[in-house]
Amino acid sequence: MNRLAIVIAASALALAGCRTGYTWTGGVPENMRTVSVPTFRNDSDLTELGSLAARQLLREFQREGTFRIARPDDAAVEVQGVVKSTSADFIGGNRKTVLQAGDYRCVATALVSVVDRVNGRVLIDNRNYTAEAVFASGLDLSTAMRNASERLAEDLARQIADDVLAVQW
């Protein structure tokens, strides 16, 4: 019986120690858990990548669950972005045979700022993000880039959401 009491006491202390400094809800204060993401400005050659990136970022916030999506006037946090450029490089396949698939590496760069609208602070100031997607395409480079746009937007969204969640509030 004495051993059982010691095991129970040790377990209680261990569990109490694990609880210190950790919360299930993350480090985002309750009053900061609403976010808006206006369509990113698109300065790249890939049409609609700005709107795709903003839409994917909203989906990423919904999937993660810390933030609620809000209208711009009601949000505590606003994520602003500019897709600066896109490029594609042929990385494999047969360049001479147009109808054969070739591998392309597509890259998009974006600048993103995160604004605390409650306290008037800039939490992330024009941070540079780079997204990549590799895929096969049997068509021209323009089609290859359009095919990559969704994956580029997803990669950008994951990176940005991770950084917003890691902000020191």
C-alpha atoms as a PDB file:
ATOM      1  CA  MET A   1       0.000   0.000   0.000  1.00  0.00           C
ATOM      2  CA  ASN A   2       2.851   2.348   0.777  1.00  0.00           C
ATOM      3  CA  ARG A   3       4.365   1.834  -2.708  1.00  0.00           C
ATOM      4  CA  LEU A   4       1.040   2.621  -4.326  1.00  0.00           C
ATOM      5  CA  ALA A   5       0.832   5.927  -2.448  1.00  0.00           C
ATOM      6  CA  ILE A   6       4.357   6.843  -3.566  1.00  0.00           C
ATOM      7  CA  VAL A   7       3.584   5.986  -7.213  1.00  0.00           C
ATOM      8  CA  ILE A   8       0.379   8.061  -7.131  1.00  0.00           C
ATOM      9  CA  ALA A   9       2.141  11.024  -5.530  1.00  0.00           C
ATOM     10  CA  ALA A  10       5.015  10.844  -8.036  1.00  0.00           C
ATOM     11  CA  SER A  11       2.569  10.648 -10.942  1.00  0.00           C
ATOM     12  CA  ALA A  12       0.634  13.653  -9.649  1.00  0.00           C
ATOM     13  CA  LEU A  13       3.838  15.677  -9.346  1.00  0.00           C
ATOM     14  CA  ALA A  14       4.965  14.660 -12.829  1.00  0.00           C
ATOM     15  CA  LEU A  15       1.629  15.645 -14.349  1.00  0.00           C
ATOM     16  CA  ALA A  16       1.642  18.952 -12.469  1.00  0.00           C
ATOM     17  CA  GLY A  17       5.125  19.645 -13.827  1.00  0.00           C
ATOM     18  CA  CYS A  18       3.979  18.936 -17.373  1.00  0.00           C
ATOM     19  CA  ARG A  19       1.165  21.463 -17.040  1.00  0.00           C
ATOM     20  CA  THR A  20       3.452  24.355 -16.155  1.00  0.00           C
ATOM     21  CA  GLY A  21       3.762  26.886 -18.979  1.00  0.00           C
ATOM     22  CA  TYR A  22       1.674  24.936 -21.473  1.00  0.00           C
ATOM     23  CA  THR A  23      -1.804  25.714 -22.702  1.00  0.00           C
ATOM     24  CA  TRP A  24      -3.992  23.879 -25.171  1.00  0.00           C
ATOM     25  CA  THR A  25      -5.084  27.125 -26.803  1.00  0.00           C
ATOM     26  CA  GLY A  26      -1.641  28.381 -27.839  1.00  0.00           C
ATOM     27  CA  GLY A  27      -0.086  31.766 -27.196  1.00  0.00           C
ATOM     28  CA  VAL A  28      -2.626  33.941 -29.014  1.00  0.00           C
ATOM     29  CA  PRO A  29      -4.623  36.078 -26.553  1.00  0.00           C
ATOM     30  CA  GLU A  30      -8.377  35.576 -26.674  1.00  0.00           C
ATOM     31  CA  ASN A  31      -9.037  39.172 -27.808  1.00  0.00           C
ATOM     32  CA  MET A  32      -6.689  38.698 -30.798  1.00  0.00           C
ATOM     33  CA  ARG A  33      -8.297  35.578 -32.293  1.00  0.00           C
ATOM     34  CA  THR A  34     -10.114  37.166 -35.207  1.00  0.00           C
ATOM     35  CA  VAL A  35      -8.357  37.600 -38.537  1.00  0.00           C
ATOM     36  CA  SER A  36      -9.040  39.100 -41.931  1.00  0.00           C
ATOM     37  CA  VAL A  37      -7.052  38.452 -45.084  1.00  0.00           C
ATOM     38  CA  PRO A  38      -7.727  40.862 -47.933  1.00  0.00           C
ATOM     39  CA  THR A  39      -6.833  39.634 -51.415  1.00  0.00           C
ATOM     40  CA  PHE A  40      -3.074  39.852 -51.862  1.00  0.00           C
ATOM     41  CA  ARG A  41      -1.890  42.318 -54.481  1.00  0.00           C
ATOM     42  CA  ASN A  42      -0.428  40.409 -57.407  1.00  0.00           C
ATOM     43  CA  ASP A  43       2.641  41.923 -59.081  1.00  0.00           C
ATOM     44  CA  SER A  44       3.610  38.600 -60.666  1.00  0.00           C
ATOM     45  CA  ASP A  45       2.988  37.286 -64.157  1.00  0.00           C
ATOM     46  CA  LEU A  46       0.758  34.506 -62.837  1.00  0.00           C
ATOM     47  CA  THR A  47      -2.820  35.735 -62.893  1.00  0.00           C
ATOM     48  CA  GLU A  48      -4.969  35.221 -59.809  1.00  0.00           C
ATOM     49  CA  LEU A  49      -2.105  34.055 -57.568  1.00  0.00           C
ATOM     50  CA  GLY A  50      -2.853  36.904 -55.128  1.00  0.00           C
ATOM     51  CA  SER A  51      -6.450  35.826 -54.652  1.00  0.00           C
ATOM     52  CA  LEU A  52      -5.467  32.148 -54.482  1.00  0.00           C
ATOM     53  CA  ALA A  53      -2.863  32.865 -51.787  1.00  0.00           C
ATOM     54  CA  ALA A  54      -5.345  34.852 -49.673  1.00  0.00           C
ATOM     55  CA  ARG A  55      -8.022  32.164 -50.041  1.00  0.00           C
ATOM     56  CA  GLN A  56      -5.573  29.395 -49.066  1.00  0.00           C
ATOM     57  CA  LEU A  57      -4.419  31.398 -46.050  1.00  0.00           C
ATOM     58  CA  LEU A  58      -8.024  31.733 -44.861  1.00  0.00           C
ATOM     59  CA  ARG A  59      -8.454  27.963 -45.288  1.00  0.00           C
ATOM     60  CA  GLU A  60      -5.247  27.344 -43.340  1.00  0.00           C
ATOM     61  CA  PHE A  61      -6.478  29.520 -40.450  1.00  0.00           C
ATOM     62  CA  GLN A  62      -9.797  27.658 -40.468  1.00  0.00           C
ATOM     63  CA  ARG A  63      -8.064  24.273 -40.518  1.00  0.00           C
ATOM     64  CA  GLU A  64      -5.710  25.199 -37.670  1.00  0.00           C
ATOM     65  CA  GLY A  65      -8.551  26.581 -35.540  1.00  0.00           C
ATOM     66  CA  THR A  66      -6.946  29.308 -33.409  1.00  0.00           C
ATOM     67  CA  PHE A  67      -8.382  32.217 -35.401  1.00  0.00           C
ATOM     68  CA  ARG A  68     -11.925  32.961 -36.491  1.00  0.00           C
ATOM     69  CA  ILE A  69     -12.330  34.598 -39.889  1.00  0.00           C
ATOM     70  CA  ALA A  70     -13.821  38.081 -39.590  1.00  0.00           C
ATOM     71  CA  ARG A  71     -14.722  41.025 -41.788  1.00  0.00           C
ATOM     72  CA  PRO A  72     -11.917  43.603 -42.019  1.00  0.00           C
ATOM     73  CA  ASP A  73     -13.703  46.059 -39.696  1.00  0.00           C
ATOM     74  CA  ASP A  74     -14.243  43.375 -37.035  1.00  0.00           C
ATOM     75  CA  ALA A  75     -10.862  41.624 -37.126  1.00  0.00           C
ATOM     76  CA  ALA A  76      -8.186  42.089 -34.474  1.00  0.00           C
ATOM     77  CA  VAL A  77      -5.468  40.902 -36.867  1.00  0.00           C
ATOM     78  CA  GLU A  78      -5.076  41.652 -40.560  1.00  0.00           C
ATOM     79  CA  VAL A  79      -2.692  39.838 -42.895  1.00  0.00           C
ATOM     80  CA  GLN A  80      -1.637  41.916 -45.897  1.00  0.00           C
ATOM     81  CA  GLY A  81       0.370  40.496 -48.773  1.00  0.00           C
ATOM     82  CA  VAL A  82       1.896  41.186 -52.152  1.00  0.00           C
ATOM     83  CA  VAL A  83       2.890  38.402 -54.529  1.00  0.00           C
ATOM     84  CA  LYS A  84       6.057  39.899 -55.988  1.00  0.00           C
ATOM     85  CA  SER A  85       7.170  37.414 -58.614  1.00  0.00           C
ATOM     86  CA  THR A  86       6.910  33.947 -60.077  1.00  0.00           C
ATOM     87  CA  SER A  87       9.355  31.945 -62.130  1.00  0.00           C
ATOM     88  CA  ALA A  88       9.663  28.482 -63.582  1.00  0.00           C
ATOM     89  CA  ASP A  89      12.679  26.425 -64.530  1.00  0.00           C
ATOM     90  CA  PHE A  90      12.724  23.304 -66.649  1.00  0.00           C
ATOM     91  CA  ILE A  91      14.455  20.677 -64.506  1.00  0.00           C
ATOM     92  CA  GLY A  92      14.017  17.445 -66.443  1.00  0.00           C
ATOM     93  CA  GLY A  93      12.536  15.672 -69.412  1.00  0.00           C
ATOM     94  CA  ASN A  94      13.081  16.021 -73.122  1.00  0.00           C
ATOM     95  CA  ARG A  95      13.087  19.662 -74.303  1.00  0.00           C
ATOM     96  CA  LYS A  96      13.037  18.623 -77.962  1.00  0.00           C
ATOM     97  CA  THR A  97       9.831  16.618 -77.741  1.00  0.00           C
ATOM     98  CA  VAL A  98       6.977  19.025 -77.079  1.00  0.00           C
ATOM     99  CA  LEU A  99       4.406  16.325 -76.329  1.00  0.00           C
ATOM    100  CA  GLN A 100       6.476  14.535 -73.687  1.00  0.00           C
ATOM    101  CA  ALA A 101       6.170  15.518 -70.072  1.00  0.00           C
ATOM    102  CA  GLY A 102       8.864  17.657 -68.567  1.00  0.00           C
ATOM    103  CA  ASP A 103       9.492  18.548 -64.942  1.00  0.00           C
ATOM    104  CA  TYR A 104       9.252  22.178 -63.906  1.00  0.00           C
ATOM    105  CA  ARG A 105      10.201  23.877 -60.666  1.00  0.00           C
ATOM    106  CA  CYS A 106       7.976  26.895 -60.043  1.00  0.00           C
ATOM    107  CA  VAL A 107       8.822  29.521 -57.434  1.00  0.00           C
ATOM    108  CA  ALA A 108       6.725  32.393 -56.081  1.00  0.00           C
ATOM    109  CA  THR A 109       7.891  35.156 -53.765  1.00  0.00           C
ATOM    110  CA  ALA A 110       5.657  37.302 -51.578  1.00  0.00           C
ATOM    111  CA  LEU A 111       5.996  40.052 -49.006  1.00  0.00           C
ATOM    112  CA  VAL A 112       3.625  39.801 -46.053  1.00  0.00           C
ATOM    113  CA  SER A 113       2.780  42.079 -43.143  1.00  0.00           C
ATOM    114  CA  VAL A 114       0.622  41.263 -40.141  1.00  0.00           C
ATOM    115  CA  VAL A 115      -1.074  44.138 -38.352  1.00  0.00           C
ATOM    116  CA  ASP A 116      -2.458  44.120 -34.801  1.00  0.00           C
ATOM    117  CA  ARG A 117      -5.498  46.345 -35.358  1.00  0.00           C
ATOM    118  CA  VAL A 118      -6.379  46.421 -31.638  1.00  0.00           C
ATOM    119  CA  ASN A 119      -3.093  47.961 -30.454  1.00  0.00           C
ATOM    120  CA  GLY A 120      -1.943  49.539 -33.710  1.00  0.00           C
ATOM    121  CA  ARG A 121       1.245  47.461 -33.947  1.00  0.00           C
ATOM    122  CA  VAL A 122       2.882  45.801 -36.922  1.00  0.00           C
ATOM    123  CA  LEU A 123       3.600  42.225 -35.813  1.00  0.00           C
ATOM    124  CA  ILE A 124       5.320  41.089 -39.017  1.00  0.00           C
ATOM    125  CA  ASP A 125       6.714  43.769 -41.319  1.00  0.00           C
ATOM    126  CA  ASN A 126       7.164  42.897 -45.007  1.00  0.00           C
ATOM    127  CA  ARG A 127       8.594  39.438 -44.368  1.00  0.00           C
ATOM    128  CA  ASN A 128       9.753  37.697 -47.518  1.00  0.00           C
ATOM    129  CA  TYR A 129       8.271  34.264 -48.299  1.00  0.00           C
ATOM    130  CA  THR A 130       9.260  31.844 -51.035  1.00  0.00           C
ATOM    131  CA  ALA A 131       7.015  28.990 -52.157  1.00  0.00           C
ATOM    132  CA  GLU A 132       7.966  26.147 -54.483  1.00  0.00           C
ATOM    133  CA  ALA A 133       6.131  23.514 -56.491  1.00  0.00           C
ATOM    134  CA  VAL A 134       7.556  20.831 -58.774  1.00  0.00           C
ATOM    135  CA  PHE A 135       5.409  19.000 -61.295  1.00  0.00           C
ATOM    136  CA  ALA A 136       5.357  17.393 -64.716  1.00  0.00           C
ATOM    137  CA  SER A 137       3.783  19.108 -67.665  1.00  0.00           C
ATOM    138  CA  GLY A 138       3.513  18.098 -71.292  1.00  0.00           C
ATOM    139  CA  LEU A 139       2.435  21.565 -72.307  1.00  0.00           C
ATOM    140  CA  ASP A 140       3.995  25.008 -72.460  1.00  0.00           C
ATOM    141  CA  LEU A 141       5.506  26.977 -69.573  1.00  0.00           C
ATOM    142  CA  SER A 142       2.435  29.207 -69.131  1.00  0.00           C
ATOM    143  CA  THR A 143       0.226  26.173 -68.586  1.00  0.00           C
ATOM    144  CA  ALA A 144       2.817  24.701 -66.248  1.00  0.00           C
ATOM    145  CA  MET A 145       2.719  27.849 -64.097  1.00  0.00           C
ATOM    146  CA  ARG A 146      -1.084  27.886 -63.962  1.00  0.00           C
ATOM    147  CA  ASN A 147      -1.033  24.240 -62.918  1.00  0.00           C
ATOM    148  CA  ALA A 148       1.410  25.070 -60.115  1.00  0.00           C
ATOM    149  CA  SER A 149      -0.500  28.091 -58.773  1.00  0.00           C
ATOM    150  CA  GLU A 150      -2.677  26.187 -56.295  1.00  0.00           C
ATOM    151  CA  ARG A 151       0.310  24.381 -54.777  1.00  0.00           C
ATOM    152  CA  LEU A 152       2.305  27.608 -54.621  1.00  0.00           C
ATOM    153  CA  ALA A 153      -0.594  29.266 -52.788  1.00  0.00           C
ATOM    154  CA  GLU A 154      -0.838  26.343 -50.339  1.00  0.00           C
ATOM    155  CA  ASP A 155       2.887  26.509 -49.577  1.00  0.00           C
ATOM    156  CA  LEU A 156       2.721  30.272 -48.974  1.00  0.00           C
ATOM    157  CA  ALA A 157      -0.351  29.873 -46.751  1.00  0.00           C
ATOM    158  CA  ARG A 158       1.269  27.243 -44.504  1.00  0.00           C
ATOM    159  CA  GLN A 159       4.392  29.344 -44.021  1.00  0.00           C
ATOM    160  CA  ILE A 160       2.465  32.540 -43.251  1.00  0.00           C
ATOM    161  CA  ALA A 161       0.003  30.858 -40.864  1.00  0.00           C
ATOM    162  CA  ASP A 162       2.880  29.226 -38.960  1.00  0.00           C
ATOM    163  CA  ASP A 163       4.584  32.605 -38.550  1.00  0.00           C
ATOM    164  CA  VAL A 164       1.378  34.338 -37.419  1.00  0.00           C
ATOM    165  CA  LEU A 165       0.851  31.658 -34.771  1.00  0.00           C
ATOM    166  CA  ALA A 166       4.466  32.069 -33.599  1.00  0.00           C
ATOM    167  CA  VAL A 167       4.198  35.866 -33.084  1.00  0.00           C
ATOM    168  CA  GLN A 168       5.110  37.104 -29.600  1.00  0.00           C
ATOM    169  CA  TRP A 169       1.850  38.652 -28.497  1.00  0.00           C
END
